[in-house]
């Protein structure tokens, strides 16, 4: 089977968990004998073969390169988003792909840069399209449903207007996948994908290795925050709460990841606690080796919360805010949720961790592997594709 995968970015260009999940999925398809071609934005036109997966990188066909949009004035960013409502400037390339690759199915993911015009093009060519909902970008140009430090319960007028082409063209989709029930239902309740043939929740995946959790015999506790450094991910809130945390066990907080330079400089300057250490960019493997508990304090509604299952991959227990799709992960027994509006709730969980009452065990690890391992998730996608192709 020939599978065309469209995503805003692909390795080595990363912005978050979506790119990791798409890469694992594409490599899973290839490992099962399928031919895979990925279309991705980049700063230059290029092509490569990565772990058997063919990738075509396109220089963004808009007034600003996708990877540099945030560096430009707001008026240019607005024009960029207006073009990105329906960008027809890739159609010539799509036609060449039809002629050369002739896909059996198109799997679209995050689409900023390409825009939903990809749906219309392949619909006209009578090639089935399955869309994977990985964020809120079809509802909100920023993809976050978050503004002025608060979650957006509903779309604002600006988002509704700029999302109209996306909503209208979503009726061309043959199938829709949500990485959580939360993100799927949020779109279906807003009347997206009204003509879909099949819809299904399929979670993100990670590559589990082994069947057990390594023992921890430390006399101190190391907490961790991993990912993009920004307020909507709750880093500022975490720093404040951790500064007020006190217990009888030695403890520290490691912060891994990067963000906008000005924000990173400001947040570092605000830290007065010597137990908080910023590591900068660090690989997942090296980071999770250093910590006992991961804290995910997201203020925005997470579509899934891939960082949670990444921590589970390494046998790390997770403390997280009640946020979007992350609430669906609590059934796996190695995640404790707190309500950010409940004053002191996070500190109570930190104290419980310090007293070693929250532990990740072998049974939990095997349960997570059964649901989120890359092979399990790849098989679910292939079953979905077979249903669409009939």
Protein backbone atom coordinates (compact mmCIF):
# COMPACT_ATOMS: atom_id res chain seq x y z
CA UNK A 1 0.00 0.00 0.00
CA UNK A 2 1.20 3.53 -0.81
CA UNK A 3 0.54 5.97 2.04
CA UNK A 4 1.01 9.72 1.64
CA UNK A 5 1.47 11.48 4.99
CA UNK A 6 1.18 15.27 5.26
CA UNK A 7 2.40 17.07 8.36
CA UNK A 8 3.59 20.62 8.98
CA UNK A 9 7.03 19.40 10.09
CA UNK A 10 9.04 16.19 10.05
CA UNK A 11 12.39 15.06 11.41
CA UNK A 12 14.81 16.77 11.96
CA UNK A 13 12.49 19.77 12.38
CA UNK A 14 10.60 19.48 15.67
CA UNK A 15 8.22 21.78 17.48
CA UNK A 16 6.53 19.31 19.81
CA UNK A 17 5.12 15.84 20.28
CA UNK A 18 3.24 15.71 16.97
CA UNK A 19 6.42 15.38 14.91
CA UNK A 20 7.67 12.52 17.11
CA UNK A 21 4.35 10.69 16.84
CA UNK A 22 4.15 11.11 13.07
CA UNK A 23 7.70 9.84 12.62
CA UNK A 24 7.05 6.71 14.70
CA UNK A 25 3.86 6.07 12.72
CA UNK A 26 5.53 6.45 9.32
CA UNK A 27 8.39 4.17 10.31
CA UNK A 28 5.83 1.67 11.59
CA UNK A 29 4.11 1.67 8.18
CA UNK A 30 7.44 1.15 6.44
CA UNK A 31 8.42 -1.70 8.76
CA UNK A 32 5.22 -3.50 7.72
CA UNK A 33 6.12 -3.34 4.06
CA UNK A 34 4.17 -0.25 3.00
CA UNK A 35 5.58 2.53 0.83
CA UNK A 36 5.48 5.86 2.63
CA UNK A 37 5.98 9.41 1.37
CA UNK A 38 5.91 12.36 3.77
CA UNK A 39 5.30 15.99 2.79
CA UNK A 40 6.72 18.54 5.21
CA UNK A 41 7.51 22.24 5.44
CA UNK A 42 11.10 23.37 5.85
CA UNK A 43 13.32 26.36 5.13
CA UNK A 44 14.54 24.80 1.86
CA UNK A 45 13.24 22.48 -0.84
CA UNK A 46 14.85 19.11 -0.23
CA UNK A 47 14.25 15.38 -0.09
CA UNK A 48 15.63 12.58 2.04
CA UNK A 49 15.09 8.99 3.09
CA UNK A 50 14.97 8.58 6.87
CA UNK A 51 14.78 5.05 8.29
CA UNK A 52 13.18 3.87 5.05
CA UNK A 53 10.65 6.72 4.87
CA UNK A 54 10.85 9.06 1.87
CA UNK A 55 10.41 12.71 2.83
CA UNK A 56 9.82 15.74 0.60
CA UNK A 57 10.58 19.05 2.28
CA UNK A 58 8.95 22.14 0.79
CA UNK A 59 10.06 25.69 1.33
CA UNK A 60 6.93 27.33 2.73
CA UNK A 61 4.86 28.87 -0.06
CA UNK A 62 3.65 31.86 1.87
CA UNK A 63 5.02 35.32 2.62
CA UNK A 64 6.98 34.03 5.66
CA UNK A 65 8.77 30.69 6.19
CA UNK A 66 6.74 28.58 8.63
CA UNK A 67 9.65 28.04 10.99
CA UNK A 68 10.17 31.79 11.32
CA UNK A 69 6.60 33.12 11.55
CA UNK A 70 6.94 34.26 15.18
CA UNK A 71 9.93 36.46 14.32
CA UNK A 72 7.90 38.80 12.09
CA UNK A 73 5.60 41.76 12.88
CA UNK A 74 1.96 41.01 13.72
CA UNK A 75 0.62 42.43 10.42
CA UNK A 76 2.76 40.01 8.40
CA UNK A 77 1.75 37.14 10.67
CA UNK A 78 -1.89 38.00 10.09
CA UNK A 79 -1.41 37.97 6.30
CA UNK A 80 0.37 34.63 6.65
CA UNK A 81 -2.62 33.19 8.53
CA UNK A 82 -5.07 34.59 5.97
CA UNK A 83 -3.21 32.82 3.15
CA UNK A 84 -3.00 29.70 5.32
CA UNK A 85 -6.79 29.53 5.50
CA UNK A 86 -6.61 28.07 1.98
CA UNK A 87 -3.18 27.96 0.37
CA UNK A 88 -3.33 26.89 -3.32
CA UNK A 89 0.38 27.34 -4.03
CA UNK A 90 1.25 23.68 -3.48
CA UNK A 91 -1.17 22.30 -6.09
CA UNK A 92 1.48 21.93 -8.80
CA UNK A 93 3.62 19.85 -6.44
CA UNK A 94 0.63 17.75 -5.39
CA UNK A 95 -0.04 16.95 -9.03
CA UNK A 96 3.54 15.76 -9.53
CA UNK A 97 3.15 13.55 -6.48
CA UNK A 98 -0.02 12.03 -7.89
CA UNK A 99 1.79 11.29 -11.14
CA UNK A 100 4.91 9.88 -9.47
CA UNK A 101 3.74 8.27 -6.22
CA UNK A 102 0.02 7.67 -6.85
CA UNK A 103 -1.01 7.17 -3.20
CA UNK A 104 -3.78 4.78 -2.15
CA UNK A 105 -4.63 6.98 0.83
CA UNK A 106 -3.66 10.38 2.27
CA UNK A 107 -3.10 10.77 6.01
CA UNK A 108 -3.17 14.46 6.93
CA UNK A 109 -2.02 15.63 10.34
CA UNK A 110 -1.05 19.15 11.41
CA UNK A 111 -1.58 21.34 8.34
CA UNK A 112 -0.33 24.89 9.01
CA UNK A 113 1.87 25.79 6.06
CA UNK A 114 0.06 23.46 3.67
CA UNK A 115 -3.45 24.43 4.83
CA UNK A 116 -6.66 22.44 4.34
CA UNK A 117 -6.40 22.98 0.57
CA UNK A 118 -4.68 19.59 0.60
CA UNK A 119 -8.07 18.04 1.40
CA UNK A 120 -9.79 19.61 -1.57
CA UNK A 121 -7.02 18.70 -3.99
CA UNK A 122 -6.96 14.99 -3.15
CA UNK A 123 -10.74 14.82 -2.84
CA UNK A 124 -10.99 16.02 -6.46
CA UNK A 125 -8.52 13.29 -7.42
CA UNK A 126 -10.79 10.75 -5.66
CA UNK A 127 -8.05 9.67 -3.27
CA UNK A 128 -9.39 8.92 0.25
CA UNK A 129 -8.22 11.30 2.97
CA UNK A 130 -8.02 10.54 6.69
CA UNK A 131 -7.32 13.46 9.01
CA UNK A 132 -5.62 13.08 12.41
CA UNK A 133 -6.56 15.67 15.03
CA UNK A 134 -3.41 16.45 17.01
CA UNK A 135 -4.21 19.97 18.24
CA UNK A 136 -6.80 22.76 17.99
CA UNK A 137 -5.49 24.33 14.76
CA UNK A 138 -8.74 23.77 12.85
CA UNK A 139 -10.55 25.75 15.55
CA UNK A 140 -7.90 28.35 16.38
CA UNK A 141 -5.11 29.75 14.16
CA UNK A 142 -2.70 29.55 17.11
CA UNK A 143 -3.66 25.92 17.63
CA UNK A 144 -4.02 26.36 21.40
CA UNK A 145 -7.51 27.71 22.21
CA UNK A 146 -5.70 29.83 24.79
CA UNK A 147 -5.54 33.61 25.10
CA UNK A 148 -4.80 36.23 27.75
CA UNK A 149 -3.62 33.54 30.14
CA UNK A 150 -6.89 31.59 30.01
CA UNK A 151 -8.38 28.58 28.24
CA UNK A 152 -10.92 29.45 25.55
CA UNK A 153 -14.18 27.68 26.31
CA UNK A 154 -15.57 28.67 22.90
CA UNK A 155 -14.19 30.07 19.67
CA UNK A 156 -13.89 33.84 19.56
CA UNK A 157 -15.28 35.70 16.53
CA UNK A 158 -11.83 35.97 14.92
CA UNK A 159 -11.22 32.23 15.22
CA UNK A 160 -14.70 31.36 13.92
CA UNK A 161 -14.20 33.53 10.83
CA UNK A 162 -10.68 32.29 10.09
CA UNK A 163 -11.77 28.68 10.61
CA UNK A 164 -14.73 28.77 8.21
CA UNK A 165 -12.81 27.37 5.19
CA UNK A 166 -11.41 24.60 7.39
CA UNK A 167 -14.83 23.70 8.73
CA UNK A 168 -16.40 23.78 5.28
CA UNK A 169 -13.72 21.63 3.64
CA UNK A 170 -13.70 19.14 6.51
CA UNK A 171 -16.81 17.62 4.94
CA UNK A 172 -14.49 16.20 2.26
CA UNK A 173 -12.74 13.95 4.78
CA UNK A 174 -13.39 10.21 4.54
CA UNK A 175 -12.21 9.40 8.04
CA UNK A 176 -11.13 11.26 11.16
CA UNK A 177 -8.88 10.16 14.02
CA UNK A 178 -8.57 11.94 17.34
CA UNK A 179 -5.53 11.31 19.51
CA UNK A 180 -7.95 11.62 22.43
CA UNK A 181 -11.70 11.52 22.82
CA UNK A 182 -11.51 15.10 24.07
CA UNK A 183 -10.00 16.49 20.85
CA UNK A 184 -12.26 14.36 18.63
CA UNK A 185 -15.48 15.37 20.36
CA UNK A 186 -14.47 19.03 20.52
CA UNK A 187 -14.37 19.07 16.70
CA UNK A 188 -17.41 16.88 16.10
CA UNK A 189 -19.47 19.01 18.51
CA UNK A 190 -18.44 22.06 16.47
CA UNK A 191 -19.86 20.35 13.34
CA UNK A 192 -16.55 19.49 11.69
CA UNK A 193 -16.24 16.33 9.52
CA UNK A 194 -20.00 15.99 9.11
CA UNK A 195 -19.67 13.51 6.21
CA UNK A 196 -16.96 11.26 7.63
CA UNK A 197 -17.26 7.54 6.96
CA UNK A 198 -15.31 6.37 10.01
CA UNK A 199 -14.10 8.14 13.16
CA UNK A 200 -11.93 6.64 15.89
CA UNK A 201 -9.77 7.55 18.87
CA UNK A 202 -6.19 6.31 18.43
CA UNK A 203 -3.63 7.60 20.96
CA UNK A 204 -0.09 8.77 20.38
CA UNK A 205 2.66 6.20 20.71
CA UNK A 206 6.16 5.72 22.03
CA UNK A 207 8.71 2.93 21.58
CA UNK A 208 8.63 0.86 24.76
CA UNK A 209 11.70 -1.28 25.51
CA UNK A 210 11.64 -4.12 28.03
CA UNK A 211 8.90 -5.18 30.42
CA UNK A 212 9.82 -3.74 33.77
CA UNK A 213 10.63 -0.53 35.61
CA UNK A 214 14.10 0.08 36.96
CA UNK A 215 14.40 0.27 40.73
CA UNK A 216 14.96 3.63 42.40
CA UNK A 217 16.76 3.57 45.73
CA UNK A 218 17.56 7.25 46.23
CA UNK A 219 17.28 9.09 49.53
CA UNK A 220 16.19 12.25 47.70
CA UNK A 221 13.48 13.13 45.17
CA UNK A 222 13.99 14.73 41.78
CA UNK A 223 10.99 16.29 40.06
CA UNK A 224 11.07 17.28 36.42
CA UNK A 225 9.40 19.55 33.87
CA UNK A 226 10.05 18.66 30.24
CA UNK A 227 9.01 20.45 27.05
CA UNK A 228 8.40 23.93 25.75
CA UNK A 229 9.16 26.69 28.25
CA UNK A 230 6.12 28.99 28.24
CA UNK A 231 3.32 30.13 30.53
CA UNK A 232 0.53 28.27 28.73
CA UNK A 233 2.33 25.03 29.56
CA UNK A 234 2.19 26.12 33.20
CA UNK A 235 5.89 26.65 33.84
CA UNK A 236 5.40 29.97 35.62
CA UNK A 237 2.73 28.42 37.85
CA UNK A 238 5.00 25.45 38.62
CA UNK A 239 7.93 27.69 39.57
CA UNK A 240 5.72 29.62 42.01
CA UNK A 241 4.23 26.49 43.57
CA UNK A 242 7.56 24.73 43.88
CA UNK A 243 9.14 27.77 45.52
CA UNK A 244 6.56 27.45 48.32
CA UNK A 245 6.93 23.66 48.63
CA UNK A 246 8.61 22.27 51.72
CA UNK A 247 9.12 18.77 53.10
CA UNK A 248 11.58 16.72 55.14
CA UNK A 249 13.07 14.93 52.11
CA UNK A 250 15.82 16.47 49.98
CA UNK A 251 14.36 17.46 46.63
CA UNK A 252 15.04 19.42 43.47
CA UNK A 253 13.29 20.39 40.24
CA UNK A 254 14.96 19.96 36.84
CA UNK A 255 13.57 21.94 33.90
CA UNK A 256 14.35 20.51 30.47
CA UNK A 257 13.53 22.18 27.17
CA UNK A 258 13.67 25.60 25.57
CA UNK A 259 11.40 28.44 24.51
CA UNK A 260 11.35 32.02 23.34
CA UNK A 261 14.68 33.60 24.46
CA UNK A 262 13.04 36.56 26.21
CA UNK A 263 10.68 34.32 28.17
CA UNK A 264 13.44 31.91 29.17
CA UNK A 265 15.61 34.79 30.37
CA UNK A 266 12.74 36.24 32.40
CA UNK A 267 11.69 32.95 34.00
CA UNK A 268 15.26 32.15 34.99
CA UNK A 269 15.64 35.59 36.53
CA UNK A 270 12.49 35.04 38.60
CA UNK A 271 13.84 31.87 40.23
CA UNK A 272 15.18 32.39 43.74
CA UNK A 273 15.15 28.71 44.73
CA UNK A 274 18.54 27.01 44.41
CA UNK A 275 16.76 23.65 44.09
CA UNK A 276 15.52 24.59 40.58
CA UNK A 277 17.93 23.86 37.74
CA UNK A 278 17.45 24.69 34.04
CA UNK A 279 19.07 22.12 31.75
CA UNK A 280 18.22 23.69 28.39
CA UNK A 281 17.63 21.35 25.46
CA UNK A 282 18.21 17.74 26.48
CA UNK A 283 17.19 14.40 24.96
CA UNK A 284 14.23 12.51 26.43
CA UNK A 285 16.36 9.55 27.40
CA UNK A 286 18.92 11.60 29.30
CA UNK A 287 16.26 13.72 30.99
CA UNK A 288 14.11 10.89 32.30
CA UNK A 289 17.17 9.11 33.67
CA UNK A 290 17.66 12.08 35.99
CA UNK A 291 14.15 12.35 37.49
CA UNK A 292 11.77 10.39 39.71
CA UNK A 293 8.54 12.25 38.93
CA UNK A 294 7.41 14.30 35.95
CA UNK A 295 5.16 17.33 36.48
CA UNK A 296 2.90 18.45 33.59
CA UNK A 297 1.25 21.70 34.80
CA UNK A 298 -0.42 22.72 31.51
CA UNK A 299 -2.84 25.62 31.76
CA UNK A 300 -4.15 25.18 28.19
CA UNK A 301 -6.25 22.16 27.21
CA UNK A 302 -3.86 19.47 25.99
CA UNK A 303 -5.09 17.48 22.99
CA UNK A 304 -3.38 14.42 24.46
CA UNK A 305 -0.25 15.12 26.48
CA UNK A 306 2.39 13.00 24.76
CA UNK A 307 4.94 13.90 27.42
CA UNK A 308 2.92 11.73 29.83
CA UNK A 309 3.40 8.51 27.89
CA UNK A 310 7.01 9.47 27.19
CA UNK A 311 7.56 9.49 30.94
CA UNK A 312 5.80 6.13 31.25
CA UNK A 313 8.12 4.79 28.56
CA UNK A 314 10.96 5.29 31.05
CA UNK A 315 8.99 4.15 34.08
CA UNK A 316 8.48 7.64 35.51
CA UNK A 317 5.34 8.49 37.51
CA UNK A 318 3.46 11.62 36.37
CA UNK A 319 1.68 14.45 38.17
CA UNK A 320 -0.46 16.54 35.80
CA UNK A 321 -3.05 19.26 35.72
CA UNK A 322 -6.59 18.31 34.75
CA UNK A 323 -6.32 19.31 31.12
CA UNK A 324 -8.13 18.11 27.99
CA UNK A 325 -7.06 14.69 26.78
CA UNK A 326 -4.68 14.11 29.69
CA UNK A 327 -7.64 13.36 31.95
CA UNK A 328 -8.31 10.23 29.85
CA UNK A 329 -4.90 8.80 30.77
CA UNK A 330 -5.58 8.57 34.50
CA UNK A 331 -7.09 5.08 34.13
CA UNK A 332 -3.61 3.63 33.59
CA UNK A 333 -2.75 3.98 37.23
CA UNK A 334 0.53 5.89 37.04
CA UNK A 335 -0.83 9.41 36.77
CA UNK A 336 -2.21 11.69 39.48
CA UNK A 337 -4.21 14.75 38.45
CA UNK A 338 -4.72 17.98 40.32
CA UNK A 339 -7.07 20.91 39.77
CA UNK A 340 -5.01 24.08 39.11
CA UNK A 341 -7.82 26.17 40.58
CA UNK A 342 -7.54 24.28 43.88
CA UNK A 343 -5.01 26.22 45.92
CA UNK A 344 -2.34 23.95 47.34
CA UNK A 345 -3.41 20.87 45.33
CA UNK A 346 -0.09 20.54 43.51
CA UNK A 347 1.93 20.97 46.69
CA UNK A 348 -0.08 18.18 48.34
CA UNK A 349 0.82 15.81 45.50
CA UNK A 350 4.47 16.81 45.67
CA UNK A 351 4.48 15.98 49.37
CA UNK A 352 2.83 12.62 48.68
CA UNK A 353 5.56 11.85 46.15
CA UNK A 354 8.26 12.86 48.60
CA UNK A 355 6.83 10.40 51.10
CA UNK A 356 7.07 7.73 48.35
CA UNK A 357 3.37 6.92 48.33
CA UNK A 358 3.09 7.24 44.54
CA UNK A 359 5.07 4.63 42.65
CA UNK A 360 5.19 3.26 39.12
CA UNK A 361 5.18 -0.56 39.12
CA UNK A 362 5.74 -3.38 36.62
CA UNK A 363 2.04 -4.05 36.07
CA UNK A 364 1.43 -0.40 35.23
CA UNK A 365 4.34 -0.44 32.80
CA UNK A 366 2.99 -3.48 30.95
CA UNK A 367 -0.49 -1.93 30.82
CA UNK A 368 0.93 1.24 29.24
CA UNK A 369 2.97 -0.79 26.77
CA UNK A 370 -0.13 -2.72 25.74
CA UNK A 371 -1.97 0.51 24.88
CA UNK A 372 0.69 2.96 23.69
CA UNK A 373 3.53 0.99 22.13
CA UNK A 374 4.32 2.05 18.55
CA UNK A 375 3.43 -1.40 17.14
CA UNK A 376 0.00 -1.42 18.79
CA UNK A 377 -0.83 2.08 17.55
CA UNK A 378 0.48 1.42 14.02
CA UNK A 379 -1.81 -1.62 13.76
CA UNK A 380 -4.81 0.51 14.77
CA UNK A 381 -4.03 3.00 12.00
CA UNK A 382 -3.72 0.24 9.40
CA UNK A 383 -7.09 -1.20 10.49
CA UNK A 384 -8.63 2.26 10.09
CA UNK A 385 -7.12 2.66 6.61
CA UNK A 386 -8.47 -0.74 5.56
CA UNK A 387 -11.98 0.30 6.64
CA UNK A 388 -11.74 3.49 4.59
CA UNK A 389 -10.46 1.69 1.50
CA UNK A 390 -13.26 -0.85 1.90
